[in-house]
Structures are given as C-alpha cells and as structure tokens.
Amino acid sequence: MSDEKRLERLEDKVDVIKEDVTELKVELKLHMEKVDEHITGDKKIINEITPLLSSLPALIDMAEDHQFRKKLKEETEEKAKHDKVITEAKNAKWKNRAIKIGILTTILSTIVGLYYKFNL
C-alpha cells in the first residue's frame, strides 16, 4: 500500500507541475505577442530612420558650412568695426590739424592785413 500512496503523491506532484507548465506556456504566449509588437515597432522605427541616417553626411556638411559662414561673417564684421574705429581716429586727427591750420591761417592773415593796412 505504501507504493500506491507514493505513486499517488507522485501523480499529484506531476499534476501540479503540469498545471504550472500550462500556465507558463500561456504567459509565454502572451509575452511573445508583446515581444512581436515591439519588434514590429522597432522595424518601423528603423525603416523611418534609415533614410535620415543615409542623408546624415550631407546634413553634417551643411551644418559645418553654416558654422563656417557664420564665423566668417562675424570676423568680417569685427574687421569692419576695427577699420571704422581706425578711420574715425585718422579723420579726427586730420580734423584737429585742419582746425589748428585754420586758426593759424586766420591769425597770420589778420596780422598781414593789419600790417599792410598800417604800412601803406
């Protein structure tokens, strides 16, 4: 009789394991459906990104060209500002000299005029 009890207990354990395996199969099937959905979504993303990645070198070149032009423009504007400051300084220098020469000329012409007026 003890052999029969052992056999029954083993059968019970096998039944429990069988139920667990069945539950695992169902859960695995549900998870596999989700995995398939994710794989399909990933494939869609890859199909959308692939053309972008193939044009990436052109985009990089465009960005580098834009940065180069921007830097060149900034340097040109900076040089123009520098040249303007130098030109204004030179103009101020010549204006100052012209004023001094004008004052000197006015004084000399006044002296010469007075000299001729009183000596003639």
N, C-alpha and C. Protein backbone atom coordinates (compact mmCIF):
# COMPACT_ATOMS: atom_id res chain seq x y z
N MET A 1 0.79 -1.18 0.00
CA MET A 1 0.00 0.00 0.00
C MET A 1 0.85 1.27 0.00
N SER A 2 1.92 1.21 0.57
CA SER A 2 2.77 2.37 0.61
C SER A 2 3.27 2.73 -0.79
N ASP A 3 3.43 1.75 -1.63
CA ASP A 3 3.83 2.03 -3.02
C ASP A 3 2.72 2.77 -3.74
N GLU A 4 1.48 2.42 -3.47
CA GLU A 4 0.36 3.10 -4.11
C GLU A 4 0.27 4.54 -3.65
N LYS A 5 0.51 4.78 -2.37
CA LYS A 5 0.47 6.15 -1.84
C LYS A 5 1.59 6.99 -2.47
N ARG A 6 2.72 6.36 -2.58
CA ARG A 6 3.84 7.07 -3.21
C ARG A 6 3.50 7.44 -4.64
N LEU A 7 2.93 6.48 -5.34
CA LEU A 7 2.54 6.70 -6.72
C LEU A 7 1.51 7.81 -6.82
N GLU A 8 0.54 7.83 -5.92
CA GLU A 8 -0.48 8.87 -5.92
C GLU A 8 0.16 10.24 -5.63
N ARG A 9 1.05 10.29 -4.67
CA ARG A 9 1.71 11.56 -4.37
C ARG A 9 2.53 12.04 -5.55
N LEU A 10 3.21 11.13 -6.20
CA LEU A 10 3.98 11.49 -7.39
C LEU A 10 3.06 12.00 -8.50
N GLU A 11 1.92 11.33 -8.67
CA GLU A 11 0.96 11.75 -9.68
C GLU A 11 0.42 13.15 -9.34
N ASP A 12 0.15 13.41 -8.06
CA ASP A 12 -0.31 14.74 -7.64
C ASP A 12 0.76 15.80 -7.95
N LYS A 13 1.99 15.46 -7.63
CA LYS A 13 3.08 16.41 -7.91
C LYS A 13 3.22 16.65 -9.40
N VAL A 14 3.10 15.58 -10.19
CA VAL A 14 3.19 15.71 -11.64
C VAL A 14 2.04 16.57 -12.15
N ASP A 15 0.84 16.40 -11.60
CA ASP A 15 -0.31 17.20 -12.00
C ASP A 15 -0.07 18.69 -11.69
N VAL A 16 0.49 18.97 -10.51
CA VAL A 16 0.78 20.37 -10.14
C VAL A 16 1.81 20.96 -11.11
N ILE A 17 2.84 20.18 -11.40
CA ILE A 17 3.88 20.64 -12.32
C ILE A 17 3.29 20.85 -13.72
N LYS A 18 2.38 19.95 -14.11
CA LYS A 18 1.73 20.06 -15.43
C LYS A 18 0.92 21.36 -15.49
N GLU A 19 0.20 21.68 -14.41
CA GLU A 19 -0.58 22.92 -14.38
C GLU A 19 0.35 24.14 -14.46
N ASP A 20 1.46 24.07 -13.73
CA ASP A 20 2.42 25.18 -13.76
C ASP A 20 2.99 25.37 -15.16
N VAL A 21 3.31 24.26 -15.80
CA VAL A 21 3.87 24.34 -17.16
C VAL A 21 2.83 24.93 -18.11
N THR A 22 1.57 24.52 -17.97
CA THR A 22 0.50 25.05 -18.81
C THR A 22 0.36 26.56 -18.61
N GLU A 23 0.39 27.02 -17.34
CA GLU A 23 0.32 28.45 -17.04
C GLU A 23 1.51 29.20 -17.65
N LEU A 24 2.69 28.60 -17.53
CA LEU A 24 3.89 29.23 -18.10
C LEU A 24 3.78 29.36 -19.61
N LYS A 25 3.21 28.32 -20.25
CA LYS A 25 3.04 28.38 -21.71
C LYS A 25 2.11 29.53 -22.10
N VAL A 26 1.02 29.67 -21.35
CA VAL A 26 0.06 30.75 -21.64
C VAL A 26 0.74 32.11 -21.45
N GLU A 27 1.45 32.28 -20.33
CA GLU A 27 2.14 33.54 -20.06
C GLU A 27 3.21 33.81 -21.12
N LEU A 28 3.94 32.77 -21.51
CA LEU A 28 4.96 32.92 -22.54
C LEU A 28 4.33 33.36 -23.86
N LYS A 29 3.18 32.77 -24.19
CA LYS A 29 2.49 33.13 -25.41
C LYS A 29 2.07 34.61 -25.38
N LEU A 30 1.55 35.08 -24.24
CA LEU A 30 1.16 36.49 -24.11
C LEU A 30 2.38 37.41 -24.23
N HIS A 31 3.46 37.01 -23.58
CA HIS A 31 4.66 37.83 -23.65
C HIS A 31 5.25 37.83 -25.07
N MET A 32 5.18 36.73 -25.75
CA MET A 32 5.71 36.65 -27.11
C MET A 32 4.93 37.59 -28.03
N GLU A 33 3.61 37.72 -27.81
CA GLU A 33 2.82 38.65 -28.61
C GLU A 33 3.32 40.08 -28.40
N LYS A 34 3.61 40.43 -27.14
CA LYS A 34 4.13 41.77 -26.85
C LYS A 34 5.51 41.95 -27.46
N VAL A 35 6.34 40.92 -27.38
CA VAL A 35 7.67 40.99 -27.98
C VAL A 35 7.56 41.20 -29.48
N ASP A 36 6.63 40.47 -30.11
CA ASP A 36 6.42 40.65 -31.55
C ASP A 36 5.98 42.07 -31.87
N GLU A 37 5.10 42.63 -31.04
CA GLU A 37 4.66 44.02 -31.25
C GLU A 37 5.84 44.97 -31.16
N HIS A 38 6.70 44.76 -30.17
CA HIS A 38 7.87 45.62 -30.02
C HIS A 38 8.82 45.48 -31.20
N ILE A 39 9.00 44.27 -31.65
CA ILE A 39 9.88 44.04 -32.80
C ILE A 39 9.33 44.75 -34.03
N THR A 40 8.01 44.64 -34.23
CA THR A 40 7.38 45.30 -35.37
C THR A 40 7.55 46.81 -35.27
N GLY A 41 7.34 47.35 -34.06
CA GLY A 41 7.54 48.79 -33.84
C GLY A 41 8.97 49.21 -34.10
N ASP A 42 9.91 48.39 -33.65
CA ASP A 42 11.32 48.69 -33.88
C ASP A 42 11.65 48.68 -35.37
N LYS A 43 11.07 47.74 -36.09
CA LYS A 43 11.31 47.69 -37.54
C LYS A 43 10.78 48.94 -38.22
N LYS A 44 9.60 49.41 -37.77
CA LYS A 44 9.05 50.65 -38.34
C LYS A 44 9.97 51.83 -38.06
N ILE A 45 10.48 51.90 -36.84
CA ILE A 45 11.39 52.99 -36.48
C ILE A 45 12.65 52.93 -37.33
N ILE A 46 13.19 51.73 -37.49
CA ILE A 46 14.40 51.55 -38.29
C ILE A 46 14.15 51.97 -39.73
N ASN A 47 12.98 51.60 -40.27
CA ASN A 47 12.65 51.97 -41.65
C ASN A 47 12.52 53.49 -41.80
N GLU A 48 12.05 54.18 -40.76
CA GLU A 48 11.92 55.63 -40.82
C GLU A 48 13.28 56.32 -40.65
N ILE A 49 14.15 55.76 -39.82
CA ILE A 49 15.43 56.39 -39.51
C ILE A 49 16.46 56.15 -40.61
N THR A 50 16.37 55.04 -41.29
CA THR A 50 17.38 54.68 -42.29
C THR A 50 17.61 55.77 -43.33
N PRO A 51 16.56 56.36 -43.94
CA PRO A 51 16.82 57.43 -44.92
C PRO A 51 17.50 58.65 -44.27
N LEU A 52 17.12 58.95 -43.05
CA LEU A 52 17.73 60.07 -42.35
C LEU A 52 19.22 59.82 -42.13
N LEU A 53 19.54 58.59 -41.71
CA LEU A 53 20.95 58.26 -41.47
C LEU A 53 21.76 58.29 -42.76
N SER A 54 21.13 57.91 -43.87
CA SER A 54 21.87 57.93 -45.14
C SER A 54 22.13 59.36 -45.59
N SER A 55 21.27 60.31 -45.17
CA SER A 55 21.49 61.71 -45.54
C SER A 55 22.29 62.45 -44.48
N LEU A 56 22.67 61.78 -43.42
CA LEU A 56 23.39 62.41 -42.32
C LEU A 56 24.69 63.08 -42.75
N PRO A 57 25.52 62.46 -43.60
CA PRO A 57 26.74 63.16 -44.01
C PRO A 57 26.44 64.51 -44.67
N ALA A 58 25.40 64.56 -45.47
CA ALA A 58 25.04 65.83 -46.11
C ALA A 58 24.60 66.84 -45.06
N LEU A 59 23.86 66.40 -44.06
CA LEU A 59 23.42 67.31 -43.00
C LEU A 59 24.61 67.83 -42.21
N ILE A 60 25.56 66.96 -41.96
CA ILE A 60 26.77 67.38 -41.24
C ILE A 60 27.53 68.42 -42.05
N ASP A 61 27.66 68.17 -43.37
CA ASP A 61 28.34 69.14 -44.22
C ASP A 61 27.62 70.48 -44.22
N MET A 62 26.29 70.44 -44.28
CA MET A 62 25.51 71.67 -44.27
C MET A 62 25.72 72.43 -42.96
N ALA A 63 25.72 71.72 -41.84
CA ALA A 63 25.92 72.37 -40.54
C ALA A 63 27.32 72.97 -40.44
N GLU A 64 28.32 72.24 -40.90
CA GLU A 64 29.68 72.76 -40.86
C GLU A 64 29.82 73.98 -41.75
N ASP A 65 29.21 73.94 -42.94
CA ASP A 65 29.24 75.08 -43.86
C ASP A 65 28.57 76.29 -43.23
N HIS A 66 27.44 76.06 -42.58
CA HIS A 66 26.73 77.15 -41.91
C HIS A 66 27.60 77.78 -40.82
N GLN A 67 28.23 76.93 -40.02
CA GLN A 67 29.10 77.43 -38.95
C GLN A 67 30.28 78.22 -39.52
N PHE A 68 30.85 77.71 -40.63
CA PHE A 68 31.98 78.40 -41.26
C PHE A 68 31.55 79.77 -41.76
N ARG A 69 30.41 79.83 -42.45
CA ARG A 69 29.91 81.11 -42.97
C ARG A 69 29.59 82.08 -41.83
N LYS A 70 29.02 81.56 -40.76
CA LYS A 70 28.68 82.40 -39.61
C LYS A 70 29.95 82.99 -38.99
N LYS A 71 30.96 82.16 -38.81
CA LYS A 71 32.22 82.63 -38.22
C LYS A 71 32.90 83.63 -39.16
N LEU A 72 32.88 83.37 -40.46
CA LEU A 72 33.47 84.28 -41.44
C LEU A 72 32.76 85.62 -41.40
N LYS A 73 31.43 85.61 -41.30
CA LYS A 73 30.66 86.85 -41.23
C LYS A 73 31.01 87.63 -39.97
N GLU A 74 31.10 86.93 -38.84
CA GLU A 74 31.47 87.60 -37.58
C GLU A 74 32.86 88.22 -37.68
N GLU A 75 33.81 87.49 -38.26
CA GLU A 75 35.16 88.03 -38.42
C GLU A 75 35.17 89.24 -39.33
N THR A 76 34.39 89.20 -40.42
CA THR A 76 34.31 90.32 -41.35
C THR A 76 33.71 91.54 -40.66
N GLU A 77 32.64 91.32 -39.89
CA GLU A 77 32.03 92.43 -39.17
C GLU A 77 32.98 93.01 -38.14
N GLU A 78 33.73 92.16 -37.45
CA GLU A 78 34.69 92.63 -36.46
C GLU A 78 35.79 93.45 -37.13
N LYS A 79 36.27 92.99 -38.28
CA LYS A 79 37.29 93.73 -39.02
C LYS A 79 36.74 95.07 -39.49
N ALA A 80 35.49 95.08 -39.95
CA ALA A 80 34.89 96.33 -40.40
C ALA A 80 34.77 97.32 -39.24
N LYS A 81 34.39 96.84 -38.06
CA LYS A 81 34.31 97.72 -36.89
C LYS A 81 35.69 98.28 -36.56
N HIS A 82 36.70 97.42 -36.60
CA HIS A 82 38.07 97.84 -36.31
C HIS A 82 38.53 98.89 -37.31
N ASP A 83 38.27 98.64 -38.60
CA ASP A 83 38.65 99.60 -39.64
C ASP A 83 37.92 100.92 -39.47
N LYS A 84 36.66 100.88 -39.07
CA LYS A 84 35.88 102.09 -38.86
C LYS A 84 36.47 102.91 -37.72
N VAL A 85 36.86 102.24 -36.63
CA VAL A 85 37.45 102.94 -35.50
C VAL A 85 38.76 103.61 -35.93
N ILE A 86 39.57 102.89 -36.69
CA ILE A 86 40.85 103.46 -37.15
C ILE A 86 40.59 104.65 -38.08
N THR A 87 39.64 104.52 -39.00
CA THR A 87 39.31 105.61 -39.92
C THR A 87 38.81 106.83 -39.16
N GLU A 88 37.95 106.60 -38.17
CA GLU A 88 37.45 107.72 -37.37
C GLU A 88 38.58 108.41 -36.61
N ALA A 89 39.51 107.62 -36.10
CA ALA A 89 40.65 108.20 -35.39
C ALA A 89 41.51 109.04 -36.34
N LYS A 90 41.75 108.52 -37.55
CA LYS A 90 42.53 109.28 -38.54
C LYS A 90 41.80 110.55 -38.93
N ASN A 91 40.49 110.44 -39.15
CA ASN A 91 39.70 111.62 -39.51
C ASN A 91 39.73 112.67 -38.40
N ALA A 92 39.64 112.21 -37.15
CA ALA A 92 39.70 113.15 -36.02
C ALA A 92 41.06 113.83 -35.97
N LYS A 93 42.11 113.09 -36.26
CA LYS A 93 43.46 113.65 -36.26
C LYS A 93 43.58 114.73 -37.34
N TRP A 94 43.10 114.44 -38.56
CA TRP A 94 43.18 115.42 -39.65
C TRP A 94 42.26 116.62 -39.37
N LYS A 95 41.13 116.37 -38.76
CA LYS A 95 40.22 117.46 -38.42
C LYS A 95 40.89 118.40 -37.41
N ASN A 96 41.55 117.82 -36.43
CA ASN A 96 42.27 118.61 -35.42
C ASN A 96 43.37 119.43 -36.08
N ARG A 97 44.14 118.82 -36.99
CA ARG A 97 45.20 119.54 -37.70
C ARG A 97 44.61 120.66 -38.56
N ALA A 98 43.49 120.37 -39.23
CA ALA A 98 42.86 121.37 -40.08
C ALA A 98 42.39 122.57 -39.24
N ILE A 99 41.84 122.29 -38.08
CA ILE A 99 41.40 123.39 -37.20
C ILE A 99 42.59 124.23 -36.77
N LYS A 100 43.69 123.57 -36.38
CA LYS A 100 44.89 124.31 -35.98
C LYS A 100 45.44 125.15 -37.14
N ILE A 101 45.49 124.56 -38.34
CA ILE A 101 45.99 125.30 -39.51
C ILE A 101 45.05 126.46 -39.82
N GLY A 102 43.74 126.22 -39.68
CA GLY A 102 42.76 127.29 -39.93
C GLY A 102 42.94 128.44 -38.96
N ILE A 103 43.14 128.13 -37.69
CA ILE A 103 43.35 129.18 -36.68
C ILE A 103 44.64 129.93 -36.98
N LEU A 104 45.71 129.18 -37.29
CA LEU A 104 46.99 129.80 -37.61
C LEU A 104 46.88 130.68 -38.85
N THR A 105 46.19 130.21 -39.87
CA THR A 105 45.99 130.99 -41.09
C THR A 105 45.19 132.26 -40.81
N THR A 106 44.16 132.12 -39.99
CA THR A 106 43.36 133.29 -39.65
C THR A 106 44.20 134.33 -38.91
N ILE A 107 44.99 133.89 -37.96
CA ILE A 107 45.85 134.81 -37.21
C ILE A 107 46.86 135.48 -38.14
N LEU A 108 47.52 134.66 -38.99
CA LEU A 108 48.52 135.21 -39.91
C LEU A 108 47.90 136.19 -40.89
N SER A 109 46.72 135.83 -41.43
CA SER A 109 46.08 136.73 -42.39
C SER A 109 45.65 138.04 -41.72
N THR A 110 45.22 137.94 -40.47
CA THR A 110 44.86 139.16 -39.73
C THR A 110 46.10 140.03 -39.51
N ILE A 111 47.21 139.41 -39.12
CA ILE A 111 48.45 140.16 -38.89
C ILE A 111 48.93 140.78 -40.19
N VAL A 112 48.95 139.99 -41.27
CA VAL A 112 49.40 140.50 -42.57
C VAL A 112 48.47 141.63 -43.02
N GLY A 113 47.16 141.45 -42.84
CA GLY A 113 46.21 142.50 -43.23
C GLY A 113 46.42 143.78 -42.45
N LEU A 114 46.63 143.65 -41.16
CA LEU A 114 46.87 144.83 -40.33
C LEU A 114 48.21 145.48 -40.70
N TYR A 115 49.18 144.66 -40.99
CA TYR A 115 50.49 145.18 -41.36
C TYR A 115 50.37 146.01 -42.64
N TYR A 116 49.71 145.48 -43.67
CA TYR A 116 49.57 146.20 -44.92
C TYR A 116 48.69 147.43 -44.76
N LYS A 117 47.70 147.35 -43.88
CA LYS A 117 46.79 148.48 -43.69
C LYS A 117 47.53 149.67 -43.07
N PHE A 118 48.40 149.39 -42.11
CA PHE A 118 49.08 150.48 -41.43
C PHE A 118 50.38 150.90 -42.11
N ASN A 119 50.95 150.09 -42.94
CA ASN A 119 52.18 150.43 -43.63
C ASN A 119 51.94 151.00 -45.01
N LEU A 120 50.84 150.99 -45.52
CA LEU A 120 50.61 151.53 -46.85
C LEU A 120 50.15 152.91 -46.75
